[in-house]
Structures are given as structure tokens and as C-alpha cells.
Amino acid sequence: MKKYKIGYTTGVFDLFHIGHLNILKRAKEQCDYLIVGVSTDELVQDYKHKTPVIPFAERVAIVEAVKYVDKVVPQNNMDKFAAWNSLHFDAIFHGDDWKNSSMYNEYEKQFSEVCVDMVFLPHTQGTSSTEISKKLQE
């Protein structure tokens, strides 16, 4: 039996790469049911100030096709606690590059009050959508 019943993770998943796959695989290894929030184009524009290369509907289709993913939902805002209010997951997974950030420290505090674990997974070194975009532009 896996440690968690329902897990949740989020991402843009633009220019899907091995780092994305690793996060999804490692999260699924720890939960029976994995829900993935894919950031909408509007959300990415709002907080990253850029438009994803791959449109939202296509990014959703890609993530849905990954065998580790049980359900895909749109991520319309960055409020992970609001997501918990509707999805009721037991654990939230994120790359460890966010660990100890003020935003995630606050989330850890909120989630601990409702017995939800925040699990940081190792960031895959040497790959990112930003680096892929730079290489494509060269």
C-alpha cells in the first residue's frame, strides 16, 4: 500500500521534458491516486509574464496521457489551499527547488493544520522548459 491515498501536484508542463516526467513518476510512487493541476495560459501570463509555447488544451492532453496521472484539473490560480478545499488530497508534491521559499513555507504551515503533507521531490538537474526555449531560440 502506498503512503498517501490522494496526491496533488501542479505545473505549467510547457515543453514537456524528463523533469516533468520525473516529478509525476515520483509523486505517483507515493500515492494511489494522483491529481495534476495544469496551469492555464492566463495564469502563466499573470505570474510568469509570458505565454506558454504549448497551448493549455494541448498541455492538458499531454499530461493526461502520462500513465502516472489519474486526473488532470486546470490550475486557475496559485492558491494551493483553495485546491485542497475542492480536491481533498492527503499530500501535495512539488520540486525541491521551491523548498524554504516564503510561499511554500506558508503553505506548509496551512497544510499541517489539516494533516496534509508537503512532499518535496528532487529537481531534475540540467533540464528546464526555460533552457529548452533558449536552445530553440539559438
Protein backbone atom coordinates (compact mmCIF):
# COMPACT_ATOMS: atom_id res chain seq x y z
CA MET A 1 0.00 0.00 0.00
CA LYS A 2 1.23 3.50 -0.83
CA LYS A 3 1.76 6.14 1.81
CA TYR A 4 -0.98 8.50 0.58
CA LYS A 5 -4.42 7.91 -0.86
CA ILE A 6 -4.69 11.12 -2.94
CA GLY A 7 -1.75 13.21 -4.08
CA TYR A 8 -1.70 16.54 -5.88
CA THR A 9 0.91 18.38 -7.88
CA THR A 10 0.85 21.30 -10.26
CA GLY A 11 2.86 22.74 -13.08
CA VAL A 12 2.83 24.54 -16.38
CA PHE A 13 4.19 21.47 -18.20
CA ASP A 14 5.23 23.59 -21.17
CA LEU A 15 7.68 21.86 -23.50
CA PHE A 16 7.19 18.64 -21.53
CA HIS A 17 10.54 17.11 -20.56
CA ILE A 18 12.14 14.45 -18.35
CA GLY A 19 11.98 16.69 -15.27
CA HIS A 20 8.19 16.85 -15.60
CA LEU A 21 8.01 13.09 -16.04
CA ASN A 22 10.24 12.51 -13.01
CA ILE A 23 8.02 14.64 -10.76
CA LEU A 24 4.88 12.80 -11.90
CA LYS A 25 6.51 9.38 -11.52
CA ARG A 26 7.94 10.12 -8.06
CA ALA A 27 4.63 11.56 -6.87
CA LYS A 28 2.66 8.55 -8.13
CA GLU A 29 5.09 6.19 -6.39
CA GLN A 30 3.82 7.67 -3.11
CA CYS A 31 0.06 7.82 -3.71
CA ASP A 32 -2.77 5.69 -5.01
CA TYR A 33 -4.43 8.47 -6.98
CA LEU A 34 -2.56 11.42 -8.48
CA ILE A 35 -4.32 14.65 -9.43
CA VAL A 36 -2.32 17.11 -11.53
CA GLY A 37 -3.19 20.79 -11.83
CA VAL A 38 -2.05 22.22 -15.17
CA SER A 39 -1.64 25.99 -15.15
CA THR A 40 -3.92 27.83 -17.55
CA ASP A 41 -2.40 30.12 -20.16
CA GLU A 42 -3.89 33.12 -18.29
CA LEU A 43 -2.30 32.09 -15.00
CA VAL A 44 1.11 31.62 -16.62
CA GLN A 45 0.81 35.04 -18.25
CA ASP A 46 -0.17 36.55 -14.91
CA TYR A 47 2.67 35.17 -12.75
CA LYS A 48 5.45 34.36 -15.23
CA HIS A 49 4.67 37.22 -17.60
CA LYS A 50 4.92 35.01 -20.67
CA THR A 51 2.65 32.89 -22.81
CA PRO A 52 3.34 29.15 -22.85
CA VAL A 53 4.67 27.76 -26.13
CA ILE A 54 2.19 24.87 -25.99
CA PRO A 55 -1.46 25.95 -25.55
CA PHE A 56 -3.32 24.89 -22.40
CA ALA A 57 -5.57 22.27 -24.04
CA GLU A 58 -2.55 20.55 -25.60
CA ARG A 59 -0.59 20.60 -22.33
CA VAL A 60 -3.60 19.02 -20.60
CA ALA A 61 -3.76 16.30 -23.29
CA ILE A 62 -0.04 15.56 -22.84
CA VAL A 63 -0.28 15.30 -19.05
CA GLU A 64 -3.46 13.17 -19.28
CA ALA A 65 -1.56 10.71 -21.48
CA VAL A 66 1.10 10.10 -18.83
CA LYS A 67 0.48 6.74 -17.15
CA TYR A 68 1.24 8.09 -13.67
CA VAL A 69 -1.59 10.63 -13.82
CA ASP A 70 -5.12 9.71 -12.73
CA LYS A 71 -6.84 13.08 -13.17
CA VAL A 72 -5.98 16.47 -14.63
CA VAL A 73 -7.60 19.70 -13.45
CA PRO A 74 -6.99 23.29 -14.54
CA GLN A 75 -4.91 25.40 -12.18
CA ASN A 76 -6.58 28.82 -12.40
CA ASN A 77 -4.69 30.43 -9.52
CA MET A 78 -1.68 29.81 -7.32
CA ASP A 79 -3.72 29.14 -4.16
CA LYS A 80 -2.87 25.52 -3.32
CA PHE A 81 -5.04 25.63 -0.21
CA ALA A 82 -8.09 26.54 -2.32
CA ALA A 83 -7.30 23.49 -4.45
CA TRP A 84 -7.26 21.33 -1.32
CA ASN A 85 -10.69 22.67 -0.35
CA SER A 86 -12.15 21.19 -3.52
CA LEU A 87 -9.89 18.16 -4.11
CA HIS A 88 -9.17 16.97 -0.52
CA PHE A 89 -5.74 15.45 -1.18
CA ASP A 90 -3.54 13.91 1.53
CA ALA A 91 -0.24 15.14 0.14
CA ILE A 92 0.97 17.86 -2.17
CA PHE A 93 4.11 17.22 -4.20
CA HIS A 94 6.46 19.83 -5.58
CA GLY A 95 10.02 20.11 -6.81
CA ASP A 96 12.55 20.80 -4.08
CA ASP A 97 13.68 23.96 -5.86
CA TRP A 98 10.70 25.61 -4.07
CA LYS A 99 11.63 24.32 -0.61
CA ASN A 100 12.08 27.05 2.01
CA SER A 101 10.56 29.71 -0.24
CA SER A 102 8.30 32.08 1.68
CA MET A 103 5.26 30.98 -0.34
CA TYR A 104 5.82 27.27 0.32
CA ASN A 105 6.74 27.81 3.97
CA GLU A 106 3.32 29.42 4.38
CA TYR A 107 1.65 26.52 2.54
CA GLU A 108 3.43 24.01 4.77
CA LYS A 109 2.03 25.79 7.83
CA GLN A 110 -1.53 25.85 6.38
CA PHE A 111 -1.42 22.23 5.26
CA SER A 112 -0.03 20.95 8.55
CA GLU A 113 -3.18 22.29 10.24
CA VAL A 114 -5.35 19.98 8.08
CA CYS A 115 -2.94 16.98 8.20
CA VAL A 116 -1.76 17.31 4.59
CA ASP A 117 1.89 16.54 3.97
CA MET A 118 4.00 18.76 1.73
CA VAL A 119 6.45 16.48 -0.04
CA PHE A 120 9.38 17.99 -1.90
CA LEU A 121 10.78 15.83 -4.71
CA PRO A 122 14.27 16.14 -6.18
CA HIS A 123 14.56 18.65 -9.02
CA THR A 124 15.99 17.08 -12.17
CA GLN A 125 19.30 18.82 -12.79
CA GLY A 126 20.20 20.11 -16.23
CA THR A 127 16.74 20.41 -17.73
CA SER A 128 14.01 23.03 -17.70
CA SER A 129 11.49 24.45 -20.13
CA THR A 130 13.33 27.78 -19.94
CA GLU A 131 16.61 26.13 -21.02
CA ILE A 132 14.84 24.27 -23.85
CA SER A 133 13.28 27.55 -25.05
CA LYS A 134 16.70 29.24 -25.03
CA LYS A 135 18.22 26.42 -27.09
CA LEU A 136 15.37 26.62 -29.60
CA GLN A 137 15.88 30.36 -29.99
CA GLU A 138 19.61 29.93 -30.74
